[in-house]
Amino acid sequence: MSVISSNLPDVKADSLSLDSWISAALASSTTEPVYGDDDPEHFEGWWTEVPGCRGAWGFGETPDLSRQMLRETLEDWVVMEVDAGHSVPVFCGMRVVAAR
């Protein structure tokens, strides 16, 4: 399992959660429209990703659905990254670390 820590003096560690980290990550996400390869006029949907979170992305019919898919993906992604010993990006001073 993982825990969230912060190097910010005004953030109390016991108030942090994985949801806090995910919200901070989503605040730096980008969402772009996706069009078909064969027909550039054909709108496919929306793609959302977070810089530094390689392999975690969301796709949906609307920007909100795309972001919701990414939120759900990040829940599993961050746990898998920490369990594998990989570093996870810091967002808004929040760092995900393996529980000791």
N, C-alpha and C. Protein backbone atom coordinates (compact mmCIF):
# COMPACT_ATOMS: atom_id res chain seq x y z
N MET A 1 0.83 -1.18 0.00
CA MET A 1 0.00 0.00 0.00
C MET A 1 0.87 1.23 0.00
N SER A 2 0.30 2.35 -0.32
CA SER A 2 1.05 3.59 -0.41
C SER A 2 0.46 4.64 0.52
N VAL A 3 1.28 5.62 0.85
CA VAL A 3 0.83 6.75 1.65
C VAL A 3 1.24 8.03 0.93
N ILE A 4 0.61 9.10 1.31
CA ILE A 4 0.91 10.40 0.71
C ILE A 4 1.64 11.23 1.76
N SER A 5 2.73 11.85 1.36
CA SER A 5 3.43 12.76 2.25
C SER A 5 3.56 14.09 1.54
N SER A 6 3.82 15.12 2.31
CA SER A 6 3.94 16.45 1.74
C SER A 6 5.11 17.18 2.35
N ASN A 7 5.79 17.94 1.53
CA ASN A 7 6.87 18.78 2.04
C ASN A 7 6.38 20.21 2.25
N LEU A 8 5.08 20.42 2.16
CA LEU A 8 4.52 21.75 2.37
C LEU A 8 4.21 21.95 3.85
N PRO A 9 4.67 23.04 4.45
CA PRO A 9 4.50 23.23 5.88
C PRO A 9 3.05 23.37 6.33
N ASP A 10 2.16 23.85 5.44
CA ASP A 10 0.77 24.07 5.85
C ASP A 10 -0.14 22.87 5.55
N VAL A 11 0.43 21.74 5.10
CA VAL A 11 -0.37 20.55 4.81
C VAL A 11 -0.07 19.50 5.86
N LYS A 12 -1.10 19.07 6.56
CA LYS A 12 -0.93 18.05 7.58
C LYS A 12 -0.98 16.67 6.94
N ALA A 13 -0.04 15.81 7.26
CA ALA A 13 0.06 14.49 6.64
C ALA A 13 -1.20 13.66 6.85
N ASP A 14 -1.86 13.79 8.02
CA ASP A 14 -3.03 12.97 8.26
C ASP A 14 -4.25 13.41 7.45
N SER A 15 -4.17 14.57 6.80
CA SER A 15 -5.29 15.03 5.99
C SER A 15 -5.13 14.63 4.52
N LEU A 16 -4.01 14.00 4.19
CA LEU A 16 -3.74 13.63 2.80
C LEU A 16 -4.29 12.25 2.49
N SER A 17 -4.67 12.06 1.25
CA SER A 17 -5.19 10.77 0.81
C SER A 17 -4.80 10.56 -0.65
N LEU A 18 -4.98 9.34 -1.11
CA LEU A 18 -4.72 9.06 -2.52
C LEU A 18 -5.62 9.92 -3.39
N ASP A 19 -6.84 10.17 -2.95
CA ASP A 19 -7.75 11.01 -3.70
C ASP A 19 -7.20 12.44 -3.83
N SER A 20 -6.53 12.93 -2.77
CA SER A 20 -5.91 14.26 -2.83
C SER A 20 -4.84 14.30 -3.90
N TRP A 21 -4.00 13.25 -3.93
CA TRP A 21 -2.94 13.18 -4.93
C TRP A 21 -3.54 13.11 -6.34
N ILE A 22 -4.56 12.28 -6.52
CA ILE A 22 -5.20 12.14 -7.83
C ILE A 22 -5.81 13.47 -8.28
N SER A 23 -6.46 14.17 -7.38
CA SER A 23 -7.04 15.48 -7.73
C SER A 23 -5.95 16.45 -8.16
N ALA A 24 -4.82 16.43 -7.46
CA ALA A 24 -3.70 17.30 -7.83
C ALA A 24 -3.13 16.89 -9.19
N ALA A 25 -3.03 15.60 -9.44
CA ALA A 25 -2.53 15.13 -10.73
C ALA A 25 -3.48 15.55 -11.86
N LEU A 26 -4.77 15.40 -11.63
CA LEU A 26 -5.75 15.78 -12.65
C LEU A 26 -5.73 17.28 -12.95
N ALA A 27 -5.34 18.07 -11.97
CA ALA A 27 -5.26 19.52 -12.18
C ALA A 27 -4.18 19.86 -13.21
N SER A 28 -3.21 18.97 -13.39
CA SER A 28 -2.17 19.23 -14.40
C SER A 28 -2.39 18.43 -15.68
N SER A 29 -3.54 17.80 -15.80
CA SER A 29 -3.81 16.98 -16.98
C SER A 29 -4.15 17.84 -18.19
N THR A 30 -4.01 17.23 -19.35
CA THR A 30 -4.43 17.86 -20.60
C THR A 30 -5.48 16.99 -21.26
N THR A 31 -6.44 17.63 -21.88
CA THR A 31 -7.52 16.93 -22.58
C THR A 31 -7.58 17.46 -24.00
N GLU A 32 -7.56 16.53 -24.95
CA GLU A 32 -7.56 16.92 -26.36
C GLU A 32 -8.58 16.10 -27.13
N PRO A 33 -9.16 16.69 -28.18
CA PRO A 33 -10.07 15.92 -29.03
C PRO A 33 -9.29 14.92 -29.88
N VAL A 34 -9.93 13.81 -30.18
CA VAL A 34 -9.31 12.77 -31.01
C VAL A 34 -10.16 12.60 -32.27
N TYR A 35 -9.48 12.62 -33.41
CA TYR A 35 -10.14 12.44 -34.69
C TYR A 35 -9.63 11.16 -35.34
N GLY A 36 -10.42 10.59 -36.23
CA GLY A 36 -10.07 9.35 -36.89
C GLY A 36 -8.83 9.45 -37.75
N ASP A 37 -8.07 8.35 -37.83
CA ASP A 37 -6.87 8.32 -38.67
C ASP A 37 -7.23 8.36 -40.16
N ASP A 38 -8.27 7.62 -40.53
CA ASP A 38 -8.66 7.55 -41.93
C ASP A 38 -9.46 8.77 -42.37
N ASP A 39 -10.20 9.35 -41.44
CA ASP A 39 -11.04 10.50 -41.75
C ASP A 39 -10.83 11.57 -40.70
N PRO A 40 -9.96 12.56 -40.97
CA PRO A 40 -9.65 13.59 -39.99
C PRO A 40 -10.85 14.44 -39.57
N GLU A 41 -11.94 14.33 -40.29
CA GLU A 41 -13.16 15.07 -39.94
C GLU A 41 -14.02 14.29 -38.94
N HIS A 42 -13.74 12.99 -38.79
CA HIS A 42 -14.55 12.13 -37.92
C HIS A 42 -14.08 12.24 -36.46
N PHE A 43 -14.91 12.84 -35.62
CA PHE A 43 -14.59 13.01 -34.21
C PHE A 43 -14.78 11.68 -33.47
N GLU A 44 -13.74 11.25 -32.74
CA GLU A 44 -13.78 9.97 -32.02
C GLU A 44 -14.14 10.14 -30.55
N GLY A 45 -13.62 11.20 -29.91
CA GLY A 45 -13.84 11.41 -28.49
C GLY A 45 -12.75 12.29 -27.91
N TRP A 46 -12.56 12.19 -26.58
CA TRP A 46 -11.60 13.03 -25.87
C TRP A 46 -10.56 12.18 -25.16
N TRP A 47 -9.32 12.60 -25.22
CA TRP A 47 -8.17 11.91 -24.62
C TRP A 47 -7.61 12.80 -23.51
N THR A 48 -7.42 12.23 -22.31
CA THR A 48 -6.87 12.98 -21.19
C THR A 48 -5.68 12.22 -20.62
N GLU A 49 -4.59 12.95 -20.36
CA GLU A 49 -3.42 12.34 -19.75
C GLU A 49 -2.75 13.33 -18.81
N VAL A 50 -1.91 12.79 -17.92
CA VAL A 50 -1.17 13.59 -16.95
C VAL A 50 0.31 13.46 -17.27
N PRO A 51 1.02 14.58 -17.46
CA PRO A 51 2.46 14.50 -17.69
C PRO A 51 3.14 13.75 -16.54
N GLY A 52 4.00 12.82 -16.88
CA GLY A 52 4.72 12.07 -15.87
C GLY A 52 4.06 10.78 -15.44
N CYS A 53 2.82 10.56 -15.84
CA CYS A 53 2.10 9.34 -15.48
C CYS A 53 1.97 8.45 -16.72
N ARG A 54 3.11 7.96 -17.17
CA ARG A 54 3.18 7.19 -18.41
C ARG A 54 2.29 5.94 -18.33
N GLY A 55 1.46 5.78 -19.32
CA GLY A 55 0.58 4.62 -19.40
C GLY A 55 -0.77 4.82 -18.75
N ALA A 56 -0.97 5.95 -18.09
CA ALA A 56 -2.27 6.25 -17.48
C ALA A 56 -2.95 7.31 -18.33
N TRP A 57 -4.13 6.99 -18.82
CA TRP A 57 -4.86 7.92 -19.67
C TRP A 57 -6.34 7.61 -19.58
N GLY A 58 -7.15 8.55 -20.02
CA GLY A 58 -8.59 8.36 -20.08
C GLY A 58 -9.11 8.73 -21.45
N PHE A 59 -10.17 8.08 -21.85
CA PHE A 59 -10.81 8.37 -23.14
C PHE A 59 -12.31 8.32 -22.93
N GLY A 60 -13.02 9.31 -23.46
CA GLY A 60 -14.47 9.33 -23.32
C GLY A 60 -15.13 10.20 -24.36
N GLU A 61 -16.46 10.14 -24.38
CA GLU A 61 -17.24 10.89 -25.35
C GLU A 61 -17.25 12.40 -25.07
N THR A 62 -16.99 12.75 -23.81
CA THR A 62 -16.93 14.16 -23.42
C THR A 62 -15.64 14.38 -22.62
N PRO A 63 -15.20 15.63 -22.48
CA PRO A 63 -14.02 15.89 -21.64
C PRO A 63 -14.21 15.38 -20.21
N ASP A 64 -15.40 15.58 -19.65
CA ASP A 64 -15.65 15.12 -18.28
C ASP A 64 -15.57 13.61 -18.15
N LEU A 65 -16.12 12.88 -19.12
CA LEU A 65 -16.03 11.41 -19.09
C LEU A 65 -14.59 10.95 -19.25
N SER A 66 -13.83 11.64 -20.07
CA SER A 66 -12.43 11.29 -20.26
C SER A 66 -11.65 11.49 -18.97
N ARG A 67 -11.91 12.59 -18.27
CA ARG A 67 -11.24 12.86 -17.00
C ARG A 67 -11.68 11.84 -15.93
N GLN A 68 -12.94 11.46 -15.93
CA GLN A 68 -13.41 10.46 -14.97
C GLN A 68 -12.74 9.11 -15.22
N MET A 69 -12.57 8.75 -16.48
CA MET A 69 -11.88 7.49 -16.79
C MET A 69 -10.44 7.55 -16.31
N LEU A 70 -9.78 8.70 -16.50
CA LEU A 70 -8.41 8.85 -16.04
C LEU A 70 -8.35 8.78 -14.51
N ARG A 71 -9.29 9.39 -13.82
CA ARG A 71 -9.33 9.32 -12.35
C ARG A 71 -9.37 7.86 -11.90
N GLU A 72 -10.23 7.08 -12.51
CA GLU A 72 -10.35 5.66 -12.14
C GLU A 72 -9.07 4.90 -12.47
N THR A 73 -8.46 5.21 -13.58
CA THR A 73 -7.21 4.56 -13.98
C THR A 73 -6.08 4.91 -13.01
N LEU A 74 -6.00 6.17 -12.60
CA LEU A 74 -4.92 6.60 -11.71
C LEU A 74 -4.98 5.89 -10.35
N GLU A 75 -6.17 5.53 -9.90
CA GLU A 75 -6.29 4.82 -8.63
C GLU A 75 -5.48 3.53 -8.66
N ASP A 76 -5.60 2.77 -9.73
CA ASP A 76 -4.86 1.52 -9.87
C ASP A 76 -3.41 1.78 -10.29
N TRP A 77 -3.21 2.75 -11.17
CA TRP A 77 -1.88 3.03 -11.70
C TRP A 77 -0.90 3.37 -10.61
N VAL A 78 -1.28 4.25 -9.68
CA VAL A 78 -0.35 4.68 -8.65
C VAL A 78 0.02 3.53 -7.72
N VAL A 79 -0.91 2.67 -7.39
CA VAL A 79 -0.63 1.52 -6.54
C VAL A 79 0.33 0.56 -7.25
N MET A 80 0.08 0.30 -8.53
CA MET A 80 0.97 -0.59 -9.29
C MET A 80 2.37 -0.02 -9.40
N GLU A 81 2.50 1.29 -9.63
CA GLU A 81 3.80 1.92 -9.75
C GLU A 81 4.58 1.82 -8.44
N VAL A 82 3.93 2.11 -7.33
CA VAL A 82 4.59 2.05 -6.03
C VAL A 82 4.97 0.62 -5.70
N ASP A 83 4.05 -0.33 -5.94
CA ASP A 83 4.35 -1.75 -5.67
C ASP A 83 5.53 -2.25 -6.50
N ALA A 84 5.69 -1.69 -7.71
CA ALA A 84 6.79 -2.11 -8.58
C ALA A 84 8.10 -1.37 -8.24
N GLY A 85 8.03 -0.47 -7.28
CA GLY A 85 9.23 0.27 -6.88
C GLY A 85 9.55 1.46 -7.77
N HIS A 86 8.60 1.86 -8.61
CA HIS A 86 8.81 3.01 -9.50
C HIS A 86 8.47 4.30 -8.77
N SER A 87 9.10 5.37 -9.18
CA SER A 87 8.76 6.66 -8.59
C SER A 87 7.49 7.20 -9.24
N VAL A 88 6.76 7.95 -8.46
CA VAL A 88 5.50 8.54 -8.90
C VAL A 88 5.67 10.06 -8.84
N PRO A 89 5.21 10.79 -9.84
CA PRO A 89 5.40 12.24 -9.86
C PRO A 89 4.82 12.93 -8.61
N VAL A 90 5.43 14.03 -8.25
CA VAL A 90 4.95 14.87 -7.15
C VAL A 90 4.03 15.93 -7.74
N PHE A 91 2.85 16.07 -7.16
CA PHE A 91 1.90 17.10 -7.59
C PHE A 91 1.50 17.93 -6.38
N CYS A 92 1.59 19.23 -6.51
CA CYS A 92 1.22 20.17 -5.43
C CYS A 92 1.93 19.81 -4.13
N GLY A 93 3.18 19.37 -4.23
CA GLY A 93 3.96 19.04 -3.05
C GLY A 93 3.63 17.69 -2.44
N MET A 94 2.72 16.93 -3.05
CA MET A 94 2.34 15.62 -2.52
C MET A 94 3.11 14.51 -3.20
N ARG A 95 3.73 13.68 -2.39
CA ARG A 95 4.53 12.57 -2.88
C ARG A 95 3.91 11.26 -2.41
N VAL A 96 3.82 10.29 -3.32
CA VAL A 96 3.34 8.96 -2.98
C VAL A 96 4.54 8.10 -2.65
N VAL A 97 4.51 7.45 -1.51
CA VAL A 97 5.62 6.59 -1.09
C VAL A 97 5.05 5.27 -0.59
N ALA A 98 5.90 4.25 -0.60
CA ALA A 98 5.48 2.94 -0.08
C ALA A 98 5.35 3.02 1.43
N ALA A 99 4.30 2.42 1.96
CA ALA A 99 4.11 2.38 3.42
C ALA A 99 5.18 1.49 4.02
N ARG A 100 5.66 1.84 5.19
CA ARG A 100 6.68 1.07 5.86
C ARG A 100 6.12 0.25 6.98
